[in-house]
Amino acid sequence: MTRRSAVSILVLVAVLAASCADPNAKQMTSRPKIGAAGAAAERKVVLFRAVIDKDGQPLEEPWSLHFSGIGLFTVVAPKGASMSSRHSFLPGRPDASSSDSGWGFLAMPPGAYQIVFEGTAIRFVMPGAQYFGSEAVPVGRSTPALFEVPGDPGLIYIGTFSFGCHAPSSSPDALKLECNTLEILDESALARQVAQTALAQYGSLQEALATTR
């Protein structure tokens, strides 16, 4: 293992440790308790999928830490709030198989929110994105997407966030991907399969796709 690779892994571990220490992140990634009426009390389950497409090939296990330094996280805040001071974290896992395919969930009270995807060793080249260069592990944040959590039902699907990426043509060795496009796709049929397998206790899945404006 090279010194740069070792530093990259240590930085990623530090990011995960910081997110695990954040009580808000713990709430958002824990399954809500089911109330006496059989519905999720207070917090609703928000299901989504992230896909990192590199030159036509999807990145395997996008929520896993890759030896190259690539890692994907989420950042969530109320609509209109500043994202700069928000910590990134890994979303909840519906189950191991669906998580490996990019599925994740959040547990949120009803309200209007924004979600950003943070990538280590990734630069998002799109309006509203941010990039923090570093020789060890550069970090990029994507364009924010807006979504709304209604009072009912207990389980919603906000879309599949599909990033079109490629290897950077000229960059520091630590930067592995540049992502130029973001599409929010409707994979509601797949979402229902995940919901029925891993989240059936929260009722029928309803669609409420996020938007970038």
N, C-alpha and C. Protein backbone atom coordinates (compact mmCIF):
# COMPACT_ATOMS: atom_id res chain seq x y z
N MET A 1 0.86 -1.19 0.00
CA MET A 1 0.00 0.00 0.00
C MET A 1 0.89 1.24 0.00
N THR A 2 0.61 2.19 -0.91
CA THR A 2 1.38 3.43 -0.95
C THR A 2 0.95 4.35 0.18
N ARG A 3 1.82 5.35 0.46
CA ARG A 3 1.51 6.29 1.53
C ARG A 3 0.23 7.04 1.19
N ARG A 4 0.06 7.42 -0.09
CA ARG A 4 -1.13 8.18 -0.48
C ARG A 4 -2.39 7.34 -0.29
N SER A 5 -2.33 6.05 -0.62
CA SER A 5 -3.49 5.18 -0.43
C SER A 5 -3.82 5.05 1.05
N ALA A 6 -2.80 4.93 1.87
CA ALA A 6 -3.04 4.81 3.32
C ALA A 6 -3.69 6.07 3.86
N VAL A 7 -3.22 7.23 3.41
CA VAL A 7 -3.82 8.49 3.85
C VAL A 7 -5.27 8.57 3.41
N SER A 8 -5.54 8.15 2.17
CA SER A 8 -6.91 8.20 1.65
C SER A 8 -7.86 7.38 2.51
N ILE A 9 -7.44 6.19 2.87
CA ILE A 9 -8.29 5.32 3.67
C ILE A 9 -8.51 5.92 5.06
N LEU A 10 -7.46 6.50 5.64
CA LEU A 10 -7.61 7.11 6.96
C LEU A 10 -8.59 8.28 6.93
N VAL A 11 -8.55 9.07 5.85
CA VAL A 11 -9.48 10.19 5.72
C VAL A 11 -10.91 9.68 5.62
N LEU A 12 -11.12 8.62 4.85
CA LEU A 12 -12.47 8.07 4.71
C LEU A 12 -12.99 7.53 6.03
N VAL A 13 -12.13 6.87 6.78
CA VAL A 13 -12.53 6.35 8.08
C VAL A 13 -12.91 7.51 9.01
N ALA A 14 -12.17 8.60 8.93
CA ALA A 14 -12.48 9.76 9.76
C ALA A 14 -13.83 10.36 9.39
N VAL A 15 -14.15 10.38 8.09
CA VAL A 15 -15.45 10.89 7.65
C VAL A 15 -16.57 10.04 8.23
N LEU A 16 -16.41 8.72 8.17
CA LEU A 16 -17.43 7.83 8.70
C LEU A 16 -17.57 7.99 10.21
N ALA A 17 -16.45 8.12 10.90
CA ALA A 17 -16.51 8.26 12.36
C ALA A 17 -17.25 9.54 12.74
N ALA A 18 -17.02 10.62 11.99
CA ALA A 18 -17.69 11.88 12.29
C ALA A 18 -19.18 11.77 12.08
N SER A 19 -19.59 11.08 11.00
CA SER A 19 -21.02 10.95 10.72
C SER A 19 -21.70 10.07 11.76
N CYS A 20 -21.02 9.03 12.21
CA CYS A 20 -21.61 8.15 13.21
C CYS A 20 -21.81 8.87 14.53
N ALA A 21 -20.98 9.89 14.79
CA ALA A 21 -21.10 10.62 16.04
C ALA A 21 -22.21 11.67 15.99
N ASP A 22 -22.76 11.95 14.82
CA ASP A 22 -23.79 12.97 14.65
C ASP A 22 -25.15 12.35 14.99
N PRO A 23 -25.82 12.83 16.06
CA PRO A 23 -27.11 12.23 16.44
C PRO A 23 -28.18 12.39 15.37
N ASN A 24 -28.13 13.47 14.60
CA ASN A 24 -29.11 13.65 13.53
C ASN A 24 -28.94 12.59 12.45
N ALA A 25 -27.68 12.28 12.11
CA ALA A 25 -27.42 11.23 11.13
C ALA A 25 -27.91 9.88 11.63
N LYS A 26 -27.73 9.62 12.93
CA LYS A 26 -28.18 8.34 13.49
C LYS A 26 -29.70 8.20 13.37
N GLN A 27 -30.41 9.30 13.64
CA GLN A 27 -31.86 9.25 13.51
C GLN A 27 -32.29 9.04 12.07
N MET A 28 -31.61 9.72 11.15
CA MET A 28 -32.00 9.63 9.74
C MET A 28 -31.69 8.28 9.12
N THR A 29 -30.78 7.52 9.72
CA THR A 29 -30.40 6.24 9.14
C THR A 29 -30.92 5.04 9.94
N SER A 30 -31.75 5.31 10.95
CA SER A 30 -32.36 4.24 11.76
C SER A 30 -33.82 4.05 11.36
N ARG A 31 -34.27 2.81 11.36
CA ARG A 31 -35.66 2.54 10.99
C ARG A 31 -36.60 3.10 12.05
N PRO A 32 -37.62 3.86 11.62
CA PRO A 32 -38.57 4.41 12.59
C PRO A 32 -39.36 3.30 13.28
N LYS A 33 -39.75 3.57 14.52
CA LYS A 33 -40.59 2.63 15.25
C LYS A 33 -42.01 2.67 14.68
N ILE A 34 -42.67 1.53 14.75
CA ILE A 34 -44.04 1.43 14.28
C ILE A 34 -44.98 1.72 15.44
N GLY A 35 -45.92 2.65 15.23
CA GLY A 35 -46.86 3.03 16.28
C GLY A 35 -47.94 1.99 16.49
N ALA A 36 -48.81 2.25 17.46
CA ALA A 36 -49.87 1.30 17.81
C ALA A 36 -50.82 1.06 16.65
N ALA A 37 -51.00 2.07 15.79
CA ALA A 37 -51.91 1.91 14.65
C ALA A 37 -51.25 1.22 13.46
N GLY A 38 -50.00 0.82 13.62
CA GLY A 38 -49.30 0.13 12.55
C GLY A 38 -48.61 1.04 11.58
N ALA A 39 -48.55 2.34 11.87
CA ALA A 39 -47.89 3.29 10.97
C ALA A 39 -46.62 3.82 11.62
N ALA A 40 -45.70 4.27 10.79
CA ALA A 40 -44.47 4.85 11.30
C ALA A 40 -44.78 6.17 11.99
N ALA A 41 -44.40 6.28 13.25
CA ALA A 41 -44.69 7.49 14.01
C ALA A 41 -43.64 8.56 13.73
N GLU A 42 -44.07 9.77 13.52
CA GLU A 42 -43.24 10.97 13.37
C GLU A 42 -42.35 10.93 12.13
N ARG A 43 -41.40 10.04 12.07
CA ARG A 43 -40.49 10.00 10.93
C ARG A 43 -41.00 9.03 9.86
N LYS A 44 -40.91 9.47 8.61
CA LYS A 44 -41.32 8.66 7.47
C LYS A 44 -40.08 8.11 6.77
N VAL A 45 -40.24 7.00 6.07
CA VAL A 45 -39.11 6.37 5.38
C VAL A 45 -39.05 6.90 3.95
N VAL A 46 -37.89 7.44 3.60
CA VAL A 46 -37.65 8.02 2.28
C VAL A 46 -36.67 7.10 1.55
N LEU A 47 -37.14 6.41 0.53
CA LEU A 47 -36.32 5.45 -0.22
C LEU A 47 -35.79 6.11 -1.49
N PHE A 48 -34.54 5.82 -1.83
CA PHE A 48 -33.94 6.35 -3.05
C PHE A 48 -32.79 5.44 -3.48
N ARG A 49 -32.27 5.72 -4.67
CA ARG A 49 -31.14 4.96 -5.18
C ARG A 49 -30.12 5.93 -5.78
N ALA A 50 -28.83 5.63 -5.64
CA ALA A 50 -27.76 6.40 -6.26
C ALA A 50 -26.99 5.50 -7.22
N VAL A 51 -26.76 5.99 -8.41
CA VAL A 51 -26.01 5.25 -9.43
C VAL A 51 -24.88 6.14 -9.95
N ILE A 52 -23.66 5.63 -9.87
CA ILE A 52 -22.50 6.31 -10.43
C ILE A 52 -22.11 5.56 -11.71
N ASP A 53 -22.39 6.16 -12.85
CA ASP A 53 -22.15 5.53 -14.14
C ASP A 53 -20.84 6.06 -14.72
N LYS A 54 -19.83 5.20 -14.82
CA LYS A 54 -18.54 5.59 -15.36
C LYS A 54 -18.39 5.05 -16.78
N ASP A 55 -18.48 5.95 -17.74
CA ASP A 55 -18.32 5.58 -19.16
C ASP A 55 -19.22 4.40 -19.53
N GLY A 56 -20.47 4.44 -19.04
CA GLY A 56 -21.43 3.41 -19.40
C GLY A 56 -21.47 2.21 -18.48
N GLN A 57 -20.59 2.15 -17.50
CA GLN A 57 -20.55 1.02 -16.56
C GLN A 57 -20.85 1.51 -15.15
N PRO A 58 -21.87 0.95 -14.48
CA PRO A 58 -22.18 1.40 -13.12
C PRO A 58 -21.10 0.97 -12.13
N LEU A 59 -20.79 1.87 -11.20
CA LEU A 59 -19.85 1.56 -10.13
C LEU A 59 -20.49 0.55 -9.19
N GLU A 60 -19.80 -0.55 -8.94
CA GLU A 60 -20.33 -1.57 -8.05
C GLU A 60 -20.30 -1.08 -6.60
N GLU A 61 -21.35 -1.42 -5.86
CA GLU A 61 -21.45 -1.10 -4.44
C GLU A 61 -21.08 0.37 -4.16
N PRO A 62 -21.88 1.30 -4.66
CA PRO A 62 -21.52 2.72 -4.53
C PRO A 62 -21.40 3.23 -3.10
N TRP A 63 -22.06 2.56 -2.13
CA TRP A 63 -21.98 3.02 -0.74
C TRP A 63 -20.79 2.42 0.00
N SER A 64 -20.01 1.58 -0.67
CA SER A 64 -18.83 0.98 -0.04
C SER A 64 -17.62 1.89 -0.23
N LEU A 65 -16.62 1.73 0.63
CA LEU A 65 -15.37 2.46 0.48
C LEU A 65 -14.47 1.70 -0.48
N HIS A 66 -14.09 2.34 -1.57
CA HIS A 66 -13.27 1.69 -2.58
C HIS A 66 -11.79 2.00 -2.32
N PHE A 67 -10.95 1.02 -2.63
CA PHE A 67 -9.52 1.18 -2.38
C PHE A 67 -8.94 2.36 -3.15
N SER A 68 -9.55 2.70 -4.28
CA SER A 68 -9.08 3.84 -5.07
C SER A 68 -9.27 5.17 -4.36
N GLY A 69 -10.07 5.18 -3.31
CA GLY A 69 -10.39 6.42 -2.61
C GLY A 69 -11.80 6.90 -2.87
N ILE A 70 -12.49 6.30 -3.85
CA ILE A 70 -13.86 6.70 -4.17
C ILE A 70 -14.80 6.27 -3.05
N GLY A 71 -15.60 7.20 -2.59
CA GLY A 71 -16.63 6.92 -1.60
C GLY A 71 -17.80 7.85 -1.84
N LEU A 72 -19.00 7.40 -1.56
CA LEU A 72 -20.20 8.20 -1.77
C LEU A 72 -20.97 8.32 -0.47
N PHE A 73 -21.44 9.53 -0.17
CA PHE A 73 -22.16 9.83 1.05
C PHE A 73 -23.33 10.75 0.73
N THR A 74 -24.18 10.98 1.71
CA THR A 74 -25.30 11.91 1.55
C THR A 74 -25.17 13.07 2.53
N VAL A 75 -25.76 14.19 2.15
CA VAL A 75 -25.87 15.36 3.02
C VAL A 75 -27.31 15.84 2.90
N VAL A 76 -27.99 16.02 4.02
CA VAL A 76 -29.41 16.36 4.00
C VAL A 76 -29.66 17.55 4.93
N ALA A 77 -30.54 18.45 4.50
CA ALA A 77 -30.89 19.62 5.31
C ALA A 77 -32.29 20.08 4.92
N PRO A 78 -32.94 20.85 5.78
CA PRO A 78 -34.22 21.44 5.39
C PRO A 78 -34.05 22.33 4.15
N LYS A 79 -35.08 22.45 3.37
CA LYS A 79 -35.05 23.31 2.18
C LYS A 79 -34.70 24.75 2.59
N GLY A 80 -33.74 25.34 1.88
CA GLY A 80 -33.34 26.71 2.15
C GLY A 80 -32.24 26.86 3.18
N ALA A 81 -31.92 25.79 3.91
CA ALA A 81 -30.86 25.88 4.92
C ALA A 81 -29.48 25.79 4.26
N SER A 82 -28.48 26.33 4.92
CA SER A 82 -27.11 26.23 4.43
C SER A 82 -26.63 24.78 4.53
N MET A 83 -25.95 24.32 3.47
CA MET A 83 -25.43 22.95 3.47
C MET A 83 -23.96 22.91 3.89
N SER A 84 -23.31 24.07 3.94
CA SER A 84 -21.86 24.09 4.12
C SER A 84 -21.42 23.50 5.46
N SER A 85 -22.24 23.65 6.50
CA SER A 85 -21.85 23.14 7.82
C SER A 85 -22.43 21.76 8.11
N ARG A 86 -23.10 21.17 7.14
CA ARG A 86 -23.74 19.87 7.36
C ARG A 86 -22.74 18.74 7.13
N HIS A 87 -22.81 17.71 8.00
CA HIS A 87 -21.92 16.57 7.87
C HIS A 87 -22.50 15.56 6.87
N SER A 88 -21.62 14.87 6.18
CA SER A 88 -22.04 13.79 5.29
C SER A 88 -22.15 12.49 6.07
N PHE A 89 -22.94 11.56 5.55
CA PHE A 89 -23.13 10.26 6.21
C PHE A 89 -23.62 9.25 5.19
N LEU A 90 -23.51 7.99 5.54
CA LEU A 90 -24.05 6.92 4.72
C LEU A 90 -25.54 6.76 5.03
N PRO A 91 -26.39 6.57 4.02
CA PRO A 91 -27.81 6.38 4.29
C PRO A 91 -28.08 5.04 4.96
N GLY A 92 -29.31 4.86 5.44
CA GLY A 92 -29.71 3.57 5.98
C GLY A 92 -29.74 2.51 4.89
N ARG A 93 -29.53 1.27 5.28
CA ARG A 93 -29.51 0.15 4.33
C ARG A 93 -30.84 -0.61 4.41
N PRO A 94 -31.60 -0.64 3.32
CA PRO A 94 -32.83 -1.47 3.34
C PRO A 94 -32.50 -2.93 3.63
N ASP A 95 -31.52 -3.47 2.92
CA ASP A 95 -30.93 -4.77 3.18
C ASP A 95 -29.61 -4.81 2.41
N ALA A 96 -28.80 -5.84 2.64
CA ALA A 96 -27.45 -5.87 2.08
C ALA A 96 -27.47 -5.87 0.55
N SER A 97 -28.35 -6.68 -0.04
CA SER A 97 -28.38 -6.81 -1.49
C SER A 97 -28.78 -5.51 -2.17
N SER A 98 -29.85 -4.88 -1.71
CA SER A 98 -30.30 -3.63 -2.34
C SER A 98 -29.31 -2.50 -2.08
N SER A 99 -28.68 -2.47 -0.91
CA SER A 99 -27.68 -1.45 -0.63
C SER A 99 -26.50 -1.57 -1.59
N ASP A 100 -26.09 -2.80 -1.89
CA ASP A 100 -24.99 -3.00 -2.84
C ASP A 100 -25.35 -2.49 -4.23
N SER A 101 -26.65 -2.40 -4.53
CA SER A 101 -27.10 -1.88 -5.83
C SER A 101 -27.37 -0.38 -5.79
N GLY A 102 -27.06 0.27 -4.66
CA GLY A 102 -27.20 1.71 -4.58
C GLY A 102 -28.42 2.21 -3.86
N TRP A 103 -29.26 1.30 -3.31
CA TRP A 103 -30.46 1.74 -2.61
C TRP A 103 -30.11 2.16 -1.18
N GLY A 104 -30.80 3.19 -0.71
CA GLY A 104 -30.63 3.66 0.65
C GLY A 104 -31.93 4.28 1.13
N PHE A 105 -32.00 4.57 2.42
CA PHE A 105 -33.20 5.25 2.92
C PHE A 105 -32.82 6.28 3.96
N LEU A 106 -33.73 7.24 4.15
CA LEU A 106 -33.64 8.23 5.22
C LEU A 106 -34.92 8.14 6.04
N ALA A 107 -34.85 8.48 7.30
CA ALA A 107 -36.04 8.56 8.17
C ALA A 107 -36.23 10.02 8.55
N MET A 108 -37.28 10.66 8.00
CA MET A 108 -37.43 12.10 8.10
C MET A 108 -38.83 12.48 8.59
N PRO A 109 -38.92 13.52 9.44
CA PRO A 109 -40.25 14.06 9.75
C PRO A 109 -40.83 14.73 8.51
N PRO A 110 -42.16 14.87 8.42
CA PRO A 110 -42.74 15.57 7.28
C PRO A 110 -42.15 16.97 7.12
N GLY A 111 -41.95 17.38 5.88
CA GLY A 111 -41.38 18.70 5.61
C GLY A 111 -40.69 18.73 4.26
N ALA A 112 -40.12 19.88 3.92
CA ALA A 112 -39.42 20.08 2.66
C ALA A 112 -37.91 20.04 2.92
N TYR A 113 -37.18 19.29 2.10
CA TYR A 113 -35.76 19.05 2.32
C TYR A 113 -34.96 19.19 1.03
N GLN A 114 -33.64 19.20 1.22
CA GLN A 114 -32.71 19.12 0.10
C GLN A 114 -31.68 18.05 0.41
N ILE A 115 -31.24 17.37 -0.66
CA ILE A 115 -30.24 16.32 -0.52
C ILE A 115 -29.11 16.58 -1.50
N VAL A 116 -27.89 16.38 -1.01
CA VAL A 116 -26.68 16.52 -1.81
C VAL A 116 -25.91 15.22 -1.69
N PHE A 117 -25.24 14.82 -2.76
CA PHE A 117 -24.37 13.65 -2.71
C PHE A 117 -22.93 14.11 -2.66
N GLU A 118 -22.20 13.60 -1.67
CA GLU A 118 -20.80 13.96 -1.50
C GLU A 118 -19.94 12.79 -1.93
N GLY A 119 -18.94 13.06 -2.75
CA GLY A 119 -18.06 12.01 -3.23
C GLY A 119 -16.61 12.30 -2.89
N THR A 120 -15.92 11.34 -2.29
CA THR A 120 -14.48 11.46 -2.12
C THR A 120 -13.83 10.96 -3.40
N ALA A 121 -12.80 11.66 -3.84
CA ALA A 121 -12.10 11.40 -5.10
C ALA A 121 -13.02 11.62 -6.31
N ILE A 122 -14.09 12.40 -6.12
CA ILE A 122 -15.05 12.69 -7.19
C ILE A 122 -15.24 14.20 -7.28
N ARG A 123 -15.27 14.71 -8.52
CA ARG A 123 -15.62 16.11 -8.76
C ARG A 123 -16.92 16.14 -9.56
N PHE A 124 -17.91 16.90 -9.06
CA PHE A 124 -19.17 17.07 -9.78
C PHE A 124 -19.09 18.38 -10.57
N VAL A 125 -19.11 18.26 -11.89
CA VAL A 125 -18.97 19.42 -12.76
C VAL A 125 -20.35 19.78 -13.28
N MET A 126 -21.11 20.52 -12.48
CA MET A 126 -22.48 20.88 -12.81
C MET A 126 -22.87 22.10 -12.00
N PRO A 127 -23.89 22.85 -12.45
CA PRO A 127 -24.28 24.05 -11.73
C PRO A 127 -24.65 23.75 -10.27
N GLY A 128 -24.16 24.60 -9.36
CA GLY A 128 -24.49 24.45 -7.95
C GLY A 128 -23.63 23.44 -7.21
N ALA A 129 -22.70 22.77 -7.91
CA ALA A 129 -21.84 21.78 -7.26
C ALA A 129 -20.68 22.48 -6.56
N GLN A 130 -20.05 21.76 -5.64
CA GLN A 130 -18.89 22.28 -4.91
C GLN A 130 -17.74 21.28 -5.04
N TYR A 131 -16.51 21.80 -4.93
CA TYR A 131 -15.33 20.94 -5.01
C TYR A 131 -14.27 21.47 -4.06
N PHE A 132 -13.70 20.56 -3.27
CA PHE A 132 -12.66 20.91 -2.32
C PHE A 132 -11.42 20.09 -2.68
N GLY A 133 -10.47 20.71 -3.36
CA GLY A 133 -9.30 20.00 -3.83
C GLY A 133 -8.36 19.62 -2.71
N SER A 134 -7.68 18.50 -2.86
CA SER A 134 -6.73 18.03 -1.87
C SER A 134 -5.82 17.00 -2.51
N GLU A 135 -4.55 17.00 -2.12
CA GLU A 135 -3.63 15.99 -2.65
C GLU A 135 -3.94 14.62 -2.09
N ALA A 136 -4.55 14.56 -0.89
CA ALA A 136 -4.88 13.27 -0.28
C ALA A 136 -6.19 12.74 -0.83
N VAL A 137 -7.31 13.36 -0.44
CA VAL A 137 -8.62 12.92 -0.93
C VAL A 137 -9.46 14.16 -1.26
N PRO A 138 -9.55 14.53 -2.54
CA PRO A 138 -10.44 15.64 -2.89
C PRO A 138 -11.90 15.24 -2.66
N VAL A 139 -12.73 16.23 -2.37
CA VAL A 139 -14.14 15.97 -2.06
C VAL A 139 -15.01 16.87 -2.92
N GLY A 140 -16.02 16.28 -3.55
CA GLY A 140 -16.99 17.04 -4.33
C GLY A 140 -18.39 16.87 -3.78
N ARG A 141 -19.21 17.90 -3.95
CA ARG A 141 -20.62 17.83 -3.58
C ARG A 141 -21.47 18.18 -4.80
N SER A 142 -22.51 17.40 -5.02
CA SER A 142 -23.33 17.54 -6.22
C SER A 142 -24.30 18.70 -6.11
N THR A 143 -24.99 18.97 -7.20
CA THR A 143 -26.11 19.90 -7.20
C THR A 143 -27.17 19.43 -6.21
N PRO A 144 -27.73 20.32 -5.40
CA PRO A 144 -28.80 19.90 -4.47
C PRO A 144 -30.06 19.49 -5.23
N ALA A 145 -30.75 18.51 -4.69
CA ALA A 145 -32.07 18.12 -5.19
C ALA A 145 -33.08 18.34 -4.07
N LEU A 146 -34.27 18.75 -4.43
CA LEU A 146 -35.32 19.05 -3.46
C LEU A 146 -36.34 17.93 -3.40
N PHE A 147 -36.81 17.62 -2.21
CA PHE A 147 -37.88 16.63 -2.07
C PHE A 147 -38.75 17.00 -0.88
N GLU A 148 -39.95 16.45 -0.85
CA GLU A 148 -40.89 16.76 0.23
C GLU A 148 -41.39 15.47 0.85
N VAL A 149 -41.41 15.43 2.16
CA VAL A 149 -41.93 14.29 2.91
C VAL A 149 -43.33 14.64 3.40
N PRO A 150 -44.37 13.99 2.88
CA PRO A 150 -45.74 14.30 3.32
C PRO A 150 -46.05 13.68 4.68
N GLY A 151 -47.16 14.11 5.27
CA GLY A 151 -47.58 13.54 6.54
C GLY A 151 -47.96 12.08 6.42
N ASP A 152 -48.53 11.71 5.28
CA ASP A 152 -48.84 10.33 4.93
C ASP A 152 -48.39 10.13 3.49
N PRO A 153 -47.98 8.98 3.09
CA PRO A 153 -47.90 7.71 3.82
C PRO A 153 -46.61 7.60 4.63
N GLY A 154 -46.33 6.37 5.11
CA GLY A 154 -45.12 6.16 5.90
C GLY A 154 -43.90 5.83 5.07
N LEU A 155 -44.08 5.62 3.75
CA LEU A 155 -42.97 5.18 2.90
C LEU A 155 -43.10 5.83 1.53
N ILE A 156 -42.08 6.62 1.13
CA ILE A 156 -42.10 7.26 -0.19
C ILE A 156 -40.80 6.96 -0.93
N TYR A 157 -40.86 7.07 -2.25
CA TYR A 157 -39.70 6.90 -3.12
C TYR A 157 -39.46 8.22 -3.83
N ILE A 158 -38.24 8.77 -3.69
CA ILE A 158 -37.96 10.09 -4.27
C ILE A 158 -37.12 10.02 -5.53
N GLY A 159 -36.82 8.80 -6.01
CA GLY A 159 -36.16 8.69 -7.30
C GLY A 159 -34.80 8.01 -7.24
N THR A 160 -34.28 7.77 -8.45
CA THR A 160 -32.94 7.22 -8.62
C THR A 160 -32.04 8.33 -9.15
N PHE A 161 -31.01 8.66 -8.39
CA PHE A 161 -30.09 9.74 -8.74
C PHE A 161 -28.95 9.14 -9.56
N SER A 162 -28.98 9.38 -10.86
CA SER A 162 -28.04 8.75 -11.78
C SER A 162 -27.02 9.78 -12.26
N PHE A 163 -25.76 9.56 -11.90
CA PHE A 163 -24.68 10.47 -12.27
C PHE A 163 -23.90 9.90 -13.46
N GLY A 164 -23.74 10.71 -14.50
CA GLY A 164 -22.91 10.34 -15.64
C GLY A 164 -21.50 10.83 -15.43
N CYS A 165 -20.53 9.90 -15.35
CA CYS A 165 -19.16 10.24 -14.95
C CYS A 165 -18.14 9.66 -15.92
N HIS A 166 -16.91 10.15 -15.81
CA HIS A 166 -15.80 9.64 -16.61
C HIS A 166 -14.51 9.86 -15.86
N ALA A 167 -13.46 9.19 -16.28
CA ALA A 167 -12.15 9.41 -15.68
C ALA A 167 -11.65 10.78 -16.07
N PRO A 168 -11.11 11.57 -15.13
CA PRO A 168 -10.63 12.91 -15.49
C PRO A 168 -9.46 12.84 -16.45
N SER A 169 -9.45 13.75 -17.43
CA SER A 169 -8.40 13.73 -18.44
C SER A 169 -7.09 14.30 -17.91
N SER A 170 -7.18 15.27 -17.02
CA SER A 170 -5.99 15.88 -16.45
C SER A 170 -6.31 16.31 -15.03
N SER A 171 -5.65 15.69 -14.07
CA SER A 171 -5.99 15.97 -12.67
C SER A 171 -4.94 15.34 -11.76
N PRO A 172 -4.95 15.71 -10.47
CA PRO A 172 -4.11 15.00 -9.51
C PRO A 172 -4.49 13.52 -9.45
N ASP A 173 -3.54 12.68 -9.08
CA ASP A 173 -3.79 11.23 -9.02
C ASP A 173 -4.93 10.89 -8.08
N ALA A 174 -5.15 11.71 -7.06
CA ALA A 174 -6.17 11.39 -6.06
C ALA A 174 -7.59 11.56 -6.60
N LEU A 175 -7.77 12.33 -7.68
CA LEU A 175 -9.09 12.52 -8.27
C LEU A 175 -9.35 11.40 -9.27
N LYS A 176 -10.41 10.62 -9.04
CA LYS A 176 -10.67 9.43 -9.85
C LYS A 176 -11.83 9.59 -10.83
N LEU A 177 -12.80 10.44 -10.51
CA LEU A 177 -13.99 10.58 -11.36
C LEU A 177 -14.40 12.03 -11.48
N GLU A 178 -14.90 12.39 -12.65
CA GLU A 178 -15.62 13.65 -12.85
C GLU A 178 -17.03 13.30 -13.31
N CYS A 179 -18.03 13.87 -12.64
CA CYS A 179 -19.42 13.59 -12.96
C CYS A 179 -20.05 14.87 -13.53
N ASN A 180 -20.52 14.79 -14.78
CA ASN A 180 -21.01 15.97 -15.48
C ASN A 180 -22.52 16.09 -15.51
N THR A 181 -23.21 14.99 -15.31
CA THR A 181 -24.67 15.03 -15.43
C THR A 181 -25.33 14.34 -14.25
N LEU A 182 -26.52 14.82 -13.92
CA LEU A 182 -27.37 14.19 -12.91
C LEU A 182 -28.78 14.09 -13.47
N GLU A 183 -29.30 12.88 -13.52
CA GLU A 183 -30.69 12.64 -13.88
C GLU A 183 -31.40 11.98 -12.71
N ILE A 184 -32.61 12.43 -12.43
CA ILE A 184 -33.43 11.77 -11.41
C ILE A 184 -34.43 10.89 -12.13
N LEU A 185 -34.17 9.59 -12.10
CA LEU A 185 -34.94 8.62 -12.86
C LEU A 185 -36.07 8.04 -12.02
N ASP A 186 -37.09 7.57 -12.70
CA ASP A 186 -38.22 6.91 -12.05
C ASP A 186 -38.05 5.40 -12.18
N GLU A 187 -37.61 4.75 -11.11
CA GLU A 187 -37.50 3.29 -11.06
C GLU A 187 -38.48 2.75 -10.02
N SER A 188 -39.71 3.24 -10.09
CA SER A 188 -40.69 2.89 -9.06
C SER A 188 -40.98 1.40 -9.00
N ALA A 189 -40.91 0.71 -10.13
CA ALA A 189 -41.15 -0.74 -10.10
C ALA A 189 -40.07 -1.45 -9.28
N LEU A 190 -38.81 -1.06 -9.48
CA LEU A 190 -37.73 -1.63 -8.68
C LEU A 190 -37.85 -1.20 -7.22
N ALA A 191 -38.24 0.05 -7.01
CA ALA A 191 -38.40 0.56 -5.65
C ALA A 191 -39.44 -0.25 -4.89
N ARG A 192 -40.54 -0.62 -5.56
CA ARG A 192 -41.58 -1.41 -4.89
C ARG A 192 -41.05 -2.79 -4.50
N GLN A 193 -40.20 -3.36 -5.33
CA GLN A 193 -39.62 -4.66 -5.00
C GLN A 193 -38.76 -4.56 -3.74
N VAL A 194 -37.93 -3.50 -3.68
CA VAL A 194 -37.09 -3.29 -2.50
C VAL A 194 -37.96 -3.07 -1.26
N ALA A 195 -39.00 -2.24 -1.43
CA ALA A 195 -39.90 -1.94 -0.30
C ALA A 195 -40.60 -3.20 0.20
N GLN A 196 -41.08 -4.03 -0.70
CA GLN A 196 -41.79 -5.24 -0.30
C GLN A 196 -40.87 -6.22 0.41
N THR A 197 -39.61 -6.24 0.00
CA THR A 197 -38.65 -7.17 0.60
C THR A 197 -38.13 -6.69 1.94
N ALA A 198 -37.81 -5.38 2.04
CA ALA A 198 -37.08 -4.90 3.21
C ALA A 198 -37.82 -3.89 4.08
N LEU A 199 -38.89 -3.26 3.55
CA LEU A 199 -39.53 -2.17 4.29
C LEU A 199 -41.04 -2.30 4.31
N ALA A 200 -41.54 -3.52 4.19
CA ALA A 200 -42.99 -3.74 4.07
C ALA A 200 -43.76 -3.27 5.29
N GLN A 201 -43.13 -3.20 6.44
CA GLN A 201 -43.83 -2.81 7.66
C GLN A 201 -44.28 -1.36 7.64
N TYR A 202 -43.78 -0.57 6.68
CA TYR A 202 -44.15 0.85 6.63
C TYR A 202 -45.27 1.13 5.64
N GLY A 203 -45.89 0.09 5.13
CA GLY A 203 -47.05 0.28 4.26
C GLY A 203 -46.70 0.36 2.80
N SER A 204 -47.68 0.74 2.00
CA SER A 204 -47.51 0.82 0.55
C SER A 204 -46.59 1.98 0.18
N LEU A 205 -45.76 1.73 -0.83
CA LEU A 205 -44.84 2.75 -1.31
C LEU A 205 -45.57 3.74 -2.21
N GLN A 206 -45.31 5.03 -1.99
CA GLN A 206 -45.84 6.05 -2.88
C GLN A 206 -44.68 6.86 -3.45
N GLU A 207 -44.89 7.35 -4.64
CA GLU A 207 -43.85 8.06 -5.38
C GLU A 207 -43.95 9.56 -5.17
N ALA A 208 -42.82 10.20 -4.91
CA ALA A 208 -42.76 11.66 -4.77
C ALA A 208 -41.37 12.08 -5.24
N LEU A 209 -41.16 12.10 -6.55
CA LEU A 209 -39.82 12.29 -7.11
C LEU A 209 -39.23 13.64 -6.75
N ALA A 210 -37.94 13.62 -6.42
CA ALA A 210 -37.20 14.84 -6.14
C ALA A 210 -36.97 15.61 -7.44
N THR A 211 -36.58 16.86 -7.31
CA THR A 211 -36.29 17.71 -8.46
C THR A 211 -35.07 18.56 -8.16
N THR A 212 -34.35 18.96 -9.19
CA THR A 212 -33.17 19.81 -8.98
C THR A 212 -33.53 21.29 -9.04
N ARG A 213 -34.82 21.63 -9.15
CA ARG A 213 -35.24 23.05 -9.11
C ARG A 213 -36.62 23.18 -8.50
